[in-house]
């Protein structure tokens, strides 16, 4: 048994870990907390399954037991570099996976727990050492990468090493209000075979789009339900998690995705910030800039104080035109989509591919809606709730 700093809240003093024998987890550095471990153990399952499904290095950025971002390794372009304030695009595969995962929602990734499917190398460690993160879980660390990360947070950065081959089976239990509930563990892993039932008229799904659909679906499996994901080019760019109504999940995910695409707009990349602003401050200002129409006069004045020259807003027409250029944007749903309002909202964010469970009483209406917009619709038959 290993003591944790505290439980969910600081006044919950008694908190600890119990590992099976032999233990699949080793604490390499630091002292994790209770929420840290919930995020670490959930995010590790996501990246492992994503690596198995795609064959590519995978990463996730977690906050409050849901992914702020998740991605597979792919090259990073200049637009991403500029929009994320990166100094280089030269990353190893495992580093690129995490850079892309963290960049999926940089507001939510602040102070994250991260998981990567591959051994942590120097490329990842060099990037991570200046970012605000609480913990990393990985199957191993290169010696030089280990030393770099041990210096993070004045030596207190939490680092976990996990046995890649460990896979629990059988019954899992939790206690709520003194009552134990138990269930068979959700060990059903997604594979590309699960994505062959394309029920729309349009059945044109490229290999790249299929990988992106896998990212969308697998990420939802490890997100607090109800949940909707928007993915693009192998990474999550919008996550709507934990809402009681699916349309609210869809609106939240699509709004986040719209802002992600607009971060790449020339007007955003050309913002003239005042000297001395930190990256996190620029991030918050861009978020405000993209919500300019909804700001109060006081909020607007505070925002404008941080620019050397007054920025020009992005018009509604410019926003729509910019987002319309992106291809193979995918929407995932962790259960069946009950009403077409979800598809209507997705169309305004230029979604072209949808993956869901299927099988609802209104499935015909959902299929009609995606056909109207020329989207593809894949029905996996697999529900992926997490509570």
Protein backbone atom coordinates (compact mmCIF):
# COMPACT_ATOMS: atom_id res chain seq x y z
CA UNK A 1 0.00 0.00 0.00
CA UNK A 2 1.30 3.48 -0.95
CA UNK A 3 -0.06 6.65 0.65
CA UNK A 4 -1.32 9.47 -1.57
CA UNK A 5 -1.09 13.18 -0.72
CA UNK A 6 -4.85 13.33 -0.10
CA UNK A 7 -8.12 12.23 -1.65
CA UNK A 8 -10.36 14.10 -4.08
CA UNK A 9 -10.23 17.16 -1.79
CA UNK A 10 -7.51 18.24 0.68
CA UNK A 11 -9.71 17.59 3.74
CA UNK A 12 -9.99 13.91 2.71
CA UNK A 13 -6.71 13.12 4.40
CA UNK A 14 -6.67 9.33 4.11
CA UNK A 15 -5.91 8.15 0.57
CA UNK A 16 -3.75 5.32 -0.68
CA UNK A 17 -2.94 2.97 -3.56
CA UNK A 18 -3.13 -0.81 -3.51
CA UNK A 19 -1.40 -2.60 -6.38
CA UNK A 20 -1.87 -6.21 -7.50
CA UNK A 21 1.09 -8.56 -7.25
CA UNK A 22 3.29 -8.26 -9.18
CA UNK A 23 2.60 -4.54 -9.52
CA UNK A 24 2.11 -3.25 -13.10
CA UNK A 25 2.82 0.34 -11.96
CA UNK A 26 6.03 1.81 -10.57
CA UNK A 27 6.32 5.32 -9.13
CA UNK A 28 9.55 6.62 -10.67
CA UNK A 29 9.45 10.12 -9.20
CA UNK A 30 7.22 12.39 -7.13
CA UNK A 31 4.15 11.76 -4.99
CA UNK A 32 0.87 11.48 -6.92
CA UNK A 33 -2.53 12.47 -5.58
CA UNK A 34 -5.84 10.63 -5.79
CA UNK A 35 -7.14 12.55 -8.84
CA UNK A 36 -3.70 12.23 -10.47
CA UNK A 37 -4.03 8.46 -10.29
CA UNK A 38 -7.57 8.42 -11.66
CA UNK A 39 -6.38 10.47 -14.63
CA UNK A 40 -3.22 8.40 -15.08
CA UNK A 41 -4.91 5.00 -15.02
CA UNK A 42 -7.70 6.13 -17.35
CA UNK A 43 -5.44 7.93 -19.82
CA UNK A 44 -3.05 4.99 -20.02
CA UNK A 45 -5.87 2.71 -21.17
CA UNK A 46 -6.76 5.19 -23.91
CA UNK A 47 -3.26 5.50 -25.38
CA UNK A 48 -2.60 1.77 -25.19
CA UNK A 49 -5.81 0.96 -27.06
CA UNK A 50 -5.16 3.69 -29.61
CA UNK A 51 -1.65 2.36 -30.24
CA UNK A 52 -2.98 -1.17 -30.70
CA UNK A 53 -5.73 0.01 -33.09
CA UNK A 54 -3.63 2.32 -35.30
CA UNK A 55 -0.07 1.05 -34.88
CA UNK A 56 1.08 4.63 -34.22
CA UNK A 57 2.56 6.26 -31.13
CA UNK A 58 -0.32 7.76 -29.16
CA UNK A 59 -0.77 10.32 -26.42
CA UNK A 60 -3.49 11.83 -24.25
CA UNK A 61 -3.78 14.93 -22.10
CA UNK A 62 -6.19 14.41 -19.17
CA UNK A 63 -8.03 16.68 -16.76
CA UNK A 64 -10.70 15.54 -14.30
CA UNK A 65 -10.93 11.98 -15.65
CA UNK A 66 -11.64 13.00 -19.26
CA UNK A 67 -9.29 13.77 -22.14
CA UNK A 68 -8.63 17.40 -22.95
CA UNK A 69 -6.91 15.99 -26.02
CA UNK A 70 -5.72 12.77 -27.61
CA UNK A 71 -3.70 12.14 -30.77
CA UNK A 72 -1.61 9.77 -32.79
CA UNK A 73 1.86 10.64 -34.08
CA UNK A 74 1.88 12.70 -37.28
CA UNK A 75 4.01 15.51 -38.70
CA UNK A 76 3.30 19.01 -37.39
CA UNK A 77 2.73 21.76 -39.95
CA UNK A 78 3.66 25.44 -39.73
CA UNK A 79 0.08 26.56 -39.04
CA UNK A 80 -0.04 24.29 -35.98
CA UNK A 81 3.42 25.50 -34.94
CA UNK A 82 2.41 29.16 -35.05
CA UNK A 83 -1.02 28.68 -33.51
CA UNK A 84 0.47 26.73 -30.58
CA UNK A 85 3.49 29.03 -30.07
CA UNK A 86 5.94 26.21 -30.80
CA UNK A 87 9.61 26.87 -31.47
CA UNK A 88 10.07 23.89 -33.80
CA UNK A 89 8.22 21.19 -35.70
CA UNK A 90 11.07 18.70 -35.29
CA UNK A 91 9.64 16.14 -32.88
CA UNK A 92 10.00 12.39 -32.48
CA UNK A 93 6.84 10.33 -33.08
CA UNK A 94 5.98 10.01 -29.38
CA UNK A 95 6.67 13.71 -28.82
CA UNK A 96 4.56 14.74 -31.82
CA UNK A 97 1.68 12.64 -30.49
CA UNK A 98 1.73 14.51 -27.18
CA UNK A 99 2.32 17.95 -28.71
CA UNK A 100 -0.76 17.37 -30.87
CA UNK A 101 -2.80 15.95 -27.96
CA UNK A 102 -1.96 18.92 -25.74
CA UNK A 103 -2.66 21.32 -28.59
CA UNK A 104 -6.15 19.92 -29.10
CA UNK A 105 -7.42 22.12 -26.27
CA UNK A 106 -4.58 24.12 -24.77
CA UNK A 107 -6.87 25.84 -22.26
CA UNK A 108 -8.02 22.52 -20.80
CA UNK A 109 -4.57 20.87 -21.02
CA UNK A 110 -3.03 23.36 -18.57
CA UNK A 111 -1.86 21.35 -15.54
CA UNK A 112 -2.68 18.01 -17.13
CA UNK A 113 -1.83 14.39 -16.55
CA UNK A 114 -0.38 12.91 -19.71
CA UNK A 115 -0.04 9.39 -21.00
CA UNK A 116 2.05 8.17 -23.92
CA UNK A 117 2.08 4.73 -25.48
CA UNK A 118 5.84 4.63 -26.15
CA UNK A 119 9.05 5.07 -24.19
CA UNK A 120 9.64 8.72 -23.27
CA UNK A 121 12.58 10.09 -25.27
CA UNK A 122 14.61 13.30 -25.09
CA UNK A 123 12.43 15.00 -27.72
CA UNK A 124 9.33 14.63 -25.52
CA UNK A 125 11.18 15.43 -22.31
CA UNK A 126 12.60 18.67 -23.74
CA UNK A 127 9.13 19.81 -24.79
CA UNK A 128 7.48 18.76 -21.54
CA UNK A 129 10.00 20.36 -19.19
CA UNK A 130 8.63 23.88 -19.83
CA UNK A 131 4.93 22.96 -19.92
CA UNK A 132 2.59 23.08 -16.90
CA UNK A 133 1.81 19.40 -16.21
CA UNK A 134 1.35 17.34 -13.06
CA UNK A 135 2.16 13.75 -14.01
CA UNK A 136 3.24 11.46 -16.84
CA UNK A 137 2.58 7.74 -17.26
CA UNK A 138 4.53 5.77 -19.86
CA UNK A 139 5.92 2.28 -20.48
CA UNK A 140 9.49 3.51 -19.94
CA UNK A 141 11.98 6.38 -20.02
CA UNK A 142 15.28 6.87 -21.81
CA UNK A 143 17.96 7.65 -19.19
CA UNK A 144 18.57 11.21 -20.45
CA UNK A 145 14.83 11.91 -20.68
CA UNK A 146 14.43 10.65 -17.12
CA UNK A 147 17.03 13.09 -15.82
CA UNK A 148 15.46 16.02 -17.69
CA UNK A 149 12.02 15.33 -16.20
CA UNK A 150 13.33 14.71 -12.69
CA UNK A 151 14.34 18.38 -12.59
CA UNK A 152 10.80 19.54 -13.42
CA UNK A 153 8.72 21.19 -10.65
CA UNK A 154 11.81 21.44 -8.45
CA UNK A 155 12.17 17.67 -8.53
CA UNK A 156 8.54 16.98 -7.65
CA UNK A 157 7.16 16.07 -11.10
CA UNK A 158 5.26 12.78 -10.83
CA UNK A 159 6.42 10.00 -13.15
CA UNK A 160 4.87 6.56 -13.41
CA UNK A 161 6.12 3.55 -15.34
CA UNK A 162 3.53 1.00 -16.47
CA UNK A 163 3.87 -2.54 -17.79
CA UNK A 164 2.63 -2.29 -21.38
CA UNK A 165 1.52 -5.93 -21.41
CA UNK A 166 -0.56 -5.74 -18.23
CA UNK A 167 -4.28 -6.15 -18.92
CA UNK A 168 -6.68 -6.80 -16.02
CA UNK A 169 -9.64 -9.10 -16.53
CA UNK A 170 -12.75 -10.15 -14.65
CA UNK A 171 -14.82 -8.07 -12.24
CA UNK A 172 -14.07 -4.49 -11.22
CA UNK A 173 -15.55 -2.95 -8.08
CA UNK A 174 -16.12 0.47 -6.54
CA UNK A 175 -17.74 1.62 -3.34
CA UNK A 176 -20.32 4.42 -3.30
CA UNK A 177 -21.95 5.59 -0.06
CA UNK A 178 -20.88 2.38 1.65
CA UNK A 179 -22.36 0.20 -1.10
CA UNK A 180 -20.15 -1.90 -3.39
CA UNK A 181 -21.12 -2.05 -7.05
CA UNK A 182 -19.40 -4.49 -9.39
CA UNK A 183 -19.35 -5.21 -13.09
CA UNK A 184 -17.39 -7.05 -15.73
CA UNK A 185 -14.54 -4.81 -16.87
CA UNK A 186 -15.06 -3.16 -20.27
CA UNK A 187 -12.30 -5.06 -22.06
CA UNK A 188 -13.88 -4.79 -25.53
CA UNK A 189 -11.18 -3.11 -27.65
CA UNK A 190 -11.93 -1.24 -30.87
CA UNK A 191 -10.29 -2.41 -34.08
CA UNK A 192 -10.61 -1.29 -37.68
CA UNK A 193 -12.94 -4.24 -38.24
CA UNK A 194 -15.56 -2.45 -36.12
CA UNK A 195 -15.74 0.37 -38.68
CA UNK A 196 -16.87 -1.62 -41.71
CA UNK A 197 -20.62 -1.07 -41.24
CA UNK A 198 -21.00 2.20 -43.15
CA UNK A 199 -24.77 2.77 -43.35
CA UNK A 200 -24.81 6.07 -45.28
CA UNK A 201 -25.01 6.50 -49.05
CA UNK A 202 -21.53 8.03 -49.02
CA UNK A 203 -19.10 5.27 -48.08
CA UNK A 204 -15.87 7.05 -49.06
CA UNK A 205 -13.63 6.90 -45.98
CA UNK A 206 -9.89 7.23 -46.60
CA UNK A 207 -7.30 5.42 -44.48
CA UNK A 208 -6.43 8.72 -42.80
CA UNK A 209 -10.09 9.41 -42.02
CA UNK A 210 -10.42 5.88 -40.60
CA UNK A 211 -7.53 6.55 -38.21
CA UNK A 212 -9.23 9.79 -37.18
CA UNK A 213 -12.52 7.95 -36.57
CA UNK A 214 -10.60 5.51 -34.36
CA UNK A 215 -9.19 8.43 -32.37
CA UNK A 216 -12.70 9.86 -32.00
CA UNK A 217 -14.27 6.57 -30.88
CA UNK A 218 -11.51 5.31 -28.58
CA UNK A 219 -11.16 8.68 -26.85
CA UNK A 220 -14.89 8.59 -26.03
CA UNK A 221 -14.50 5.20 -24.37
CA UNK A 222 -12.37 6.89 -21.70
CA UNK A 223 -14.44 10.08 -21.35
CA UNK A 224 -17.14 10.70 -18.74
CA UNK A 225 -20.51 10.16 -20.46
CA UNK A 226 -22.55 11.47 -22.22
CA UNK A 227 -19.86 12.54 -24.63
CA UNK A 228 -19.24 13.68 -28.20
CA UNK A 229 -15.84 14.13 -29.81
CA UNK A 230 -14.67 16.06 -32.85
CA UNK A 231 -11.43 14.82 -34.40
CA UNK A 232 -9.28 15.99 -37.29
CA UNK A 233 -6.12 14.54 -38.82
CA UNK A 234 -5.66 11.98 -36.05
CA UNK A 235 -6.27 14.21 -33.05
CA UNK A 236 -9.14 15.38 -30.87
CA UNK A 237 -9.96 19.06 -31.51
CA UNK A 238 -13.21 19.27 -29.53
CA UNK A 239 -14.56 17.22 -26.64
CA UNK A 240 -18.04 17.61 -25.16
CA UNK A 241 -18.01 15.50 -22.01
CA UNK A 242 -20.33 14.69 -19.14
CA UNK A 243 -23.49 16.44 -20.31
CA UNK A 244 -26.94 15.06 -19.60
CA UNK A 245 -28.20 15.93 -23.09
CA UNK A 246 -26.40 14.72 -26.20
CA UNK A 247 -27.12 17.90 -28.16
CA UNK A 248 -25.34 19.88 -25.43
CA UNK A 249 -22.36 17.53 -25.83
CA UNK A 250 -22.43 18.16 -29.57
CA UNK A 251 -22.66 21.93 -29.23
CA UNK A 252 -19.79 21.97 -26.75
CA UNK A 253 -17.56 19.73 -28.89
CA UNK A 254 -18.32 21.65 -32.09
CA UNK A 255 -17.78 25.05 -30.46
CA UNK A 256 -14.37 23.89 -29.21
CA UNK A 257 -13.49 22.49 -32.64
CA UNK A 258 -14.51 25.73 -34.37
CA UNK A 259 -12.16 27.66 -32.09
CA UNK A 260 -9.37 25.16 -32.74
CA UNK A 261 -9.61 25.67 -36.50
CA UNK A 262 -9.91 29.43 -36.11
CA UNK A 263 -6.67 29.50 -34.07
CA UNK A 264 -4.98 28.73 -37.40
CA UNK A 265 -6.61 31.73 -39.14
CA UNK A 266 -4.19 34.43 -40.39
CA UNK A 267 -5.90 37.08 -38.26
CA UNK A 268 -5.22 35.02 -35.12
CA UNK A 269 -1.67 34.11 -36.07
CA UNK A 270 -1.03 37.79 -36.79
CA UNK A 271 -2.26 39.16 -33.44
CA UNK A 272 0.14 41.84 -32.17
CA UNK A 273 0.59 40.97 -28.49
CA UNK A 274 2.35 43.27 -26.08
CA UNK A 275 5.82 42.22 -24.96
CA UNK A 276 6.19 40.11 -21.84
CA UNK A 277 2.99 38.09 -22.10
CA UNK A 278 3.36 34.41 -21.25
CA UNK A 279 2.08 31.67 -23.54
CA UNK A 280 -0.83 30.87 -21.22
CA UNK A 281 -1.84 34.55 -21.19
CA UNK A 282 -1.79 34.64 -25.00
CA UNK A 283 -3.89 31.49 -25.03
CA UNK A 284 -6.54 33.10 -22.84
CA UNK A 285 -6.51 36.27 -24.95
CA UNK A 286 -7.06 34.32 -28.16
CA UNK A 287 -10.00 32.56 -26.53
CA UNK A 288 -11.48 35.96 -25.64
CA UNK A 289 -10.73 37.34 -29.11
CA UNK A 290 -12.65 34.49 -30.73
CA UNK A 291 -15.59 35.22 -28.39
CA UNK A 292 -15.39 38.98 -28.95
CA UNK A 293 -19.07 39.45 -29.85
CA UNK A 294 -20.16 37.99 -26.49
CA UNK A 295 -17.78 40.04 -24.28
CA UNK A 296 -19.00 42.81 -22.02
CA UNK A 297 -17.57 46.28 -22.47
CA UNK A 298 -15.32 45.77 -19.46
CA UNK A 299 -14.06 42.41 -20.77
CA UNK A 300 -13.42 43.92 -24.20
CA UNK A 301 -11.41 46.79 -22.73
CA UNK A 302 -9.31 44.41 -20.63
CA UNK A 303 -8.63 42.25 -23.68
CA UNK A 304 -7.63 45.14 -25.93
CA UNK A 305 -5.13 46.45 -23.36
CA UNK A 306 -2.91 43.46 -24.19
CA UNK A 307 -2.43 44.29 -27.89
CA UNK A 308 -0.10 46.85 -29.44
CA UNK A 309 -2.57 47.45 -32.25
CA UNK A 310 -6.31 46.93 -32.20
CA UNK A 311 -7.07 43.53 -33.80
CA UNK A 312 -9.63 43.13 -36.54
CA UNK A 313 -12.47 40.69 -35.66
CA UNK A 314 -13.11 37.61 -37.80
CA UNK A 315 -16.53 37.99 -39.40
CA UNK A 316 -19.15 35.25 -39.41
CA UNK A 317 -18.63 34.77 -43.15
CA UNK A 318 -14.83 34.54 -42.72
CA UNK A 319 -15.25 31.96 -39.97
CA UNK A 320 -17.51 29.78 -42.09
CA UNK A 321 -15.26 30.06 -45.14
CA UNK A 322 -12.14 29.21 -43.14
CA UNK A 323 -13.57 26.09 -41.48
CA UNK A 324 -15.08 24.89 -44.79
CA UNK A 325 -11.60 24.29 -46.25
CA UNK A 326 -10.77 21.44 -43.84
CA UNK A 327 -11.45 17.90 -45.01
CA UNK A 328 -12.25 14.69 -43.14
CA UNK A 329 -13.47 16.27 -39.90
CA UNK A 330 -14.98 13.48 -37.80
CA UNK A 331 -17.61 13.31 -35.07
CA UNK A 332 -17.83 10.44 -32.60
CA UNK A 333 -20.65 9.59 -30.20
CA UNK A 334 -20.27 7.21 -27.25
CA UNK A 335 -23.86 5.95 -27.77
CA UNK A 336 -26.49 6.20 -30.47
CA UNK A 337 -27.42 9.67 -31.73
CA UNK A 338 -31.09 10.13 -30.81
CA UNK A 339 -32.08 13.22 -32.83
CA UNK A 340 -30.96 14.85 -36.07
CA UNK A 341 -30.28 18.19 -34.32
CA UNK A 342 -26.85 16.73 -33.51
CA UNK A 343 -26.17 16.18 -37.21
CA UNK A 344 -27.48 19.64 -38.12
CA UNK A 345 -25.12 21.26 -35.60
CA UNK A 346 -22.22 19.10 -36.80
CA UNK A 347 -22.78 20.21 -40.40
CA UNK A 348 -22.12 23.84 -39.38
CA UNK A 349 -18.67 22.74 -38.19
CA UNK A 350 -18.02 21.02 -41.55
CA UNK A 351 -18.13 17.50 -40.10
CA UNK A 352 -17.89 14.95 -42.93
CA UNK A 353 -17.70 11.62 -41.08
CA UNK A 354 -19.74 10.34 -38.13
CA UNK A 355 -19.22 7.24 -36.01
CA UNK A 356 -21.80 6.14 -33.43
CA UNK A 357 -23.30 3.02 -31.91
CA UNK A 358 -26.37 2.96 -34.14
CA UNK A 359 -29.51 0.97 -33.52
CA UNK A 360 -31.81 3.64 -32.09
CA UNK A 361 -35.53 3.89 -32.85
CA UNK A 362 -34.73 7.00 -34.94
CA UNK A 363 -31.69 5.61 -36.77
CA UNK A 364 -33.46 6.04 -40.12
CA UNK A 365 -33.85 9.75 -39.41
CA UNK A 366 -30.17 10.06 -38.49
CA UNK A 367 -29.18 8.26 -41.70
CA UNK A 368 -31.45 10.59 -43.68
CA UNK A 369 -29.77 13.59 -42.07
CA UNK A 370 -26.20 12.48 -42.84
CA UNK A 371 -27.23 11.64 -46.40
CA UNK A 372 -28.68 15.14 -46.75
CA UNK A 373 -25.27 16.60 -45.91
CA UNK A 374 -23.25 14.03 -47.87
CA UNK A 375 -21.57 12.71 -44.72
CA UNK A 376 -20.55 9.14 -44.02
CA UNK A 377 -22.07 7.33 -41.05
CA UNK A 378 -20.44 4.30 -39.45
CA UNK A 379 -22.43 2.24 -36.95
CA UNK A 380 -20.14 0.16 -34.73
CA UNK A 381 -22.84 -1.48 -32.59
CA UNK A 382 -20.65 -0.72 -29.54
CA UNK A 383 -21.75 1.60 -26.74
CA UNK A 384 -18.88 3.17 -24.77
CA UNK A 385 -20.33 4.78 -21.67
CA UNK A 386 -17.99 5.57 -18.78
CA UNK A 387 -19.22 6.52 -15.30
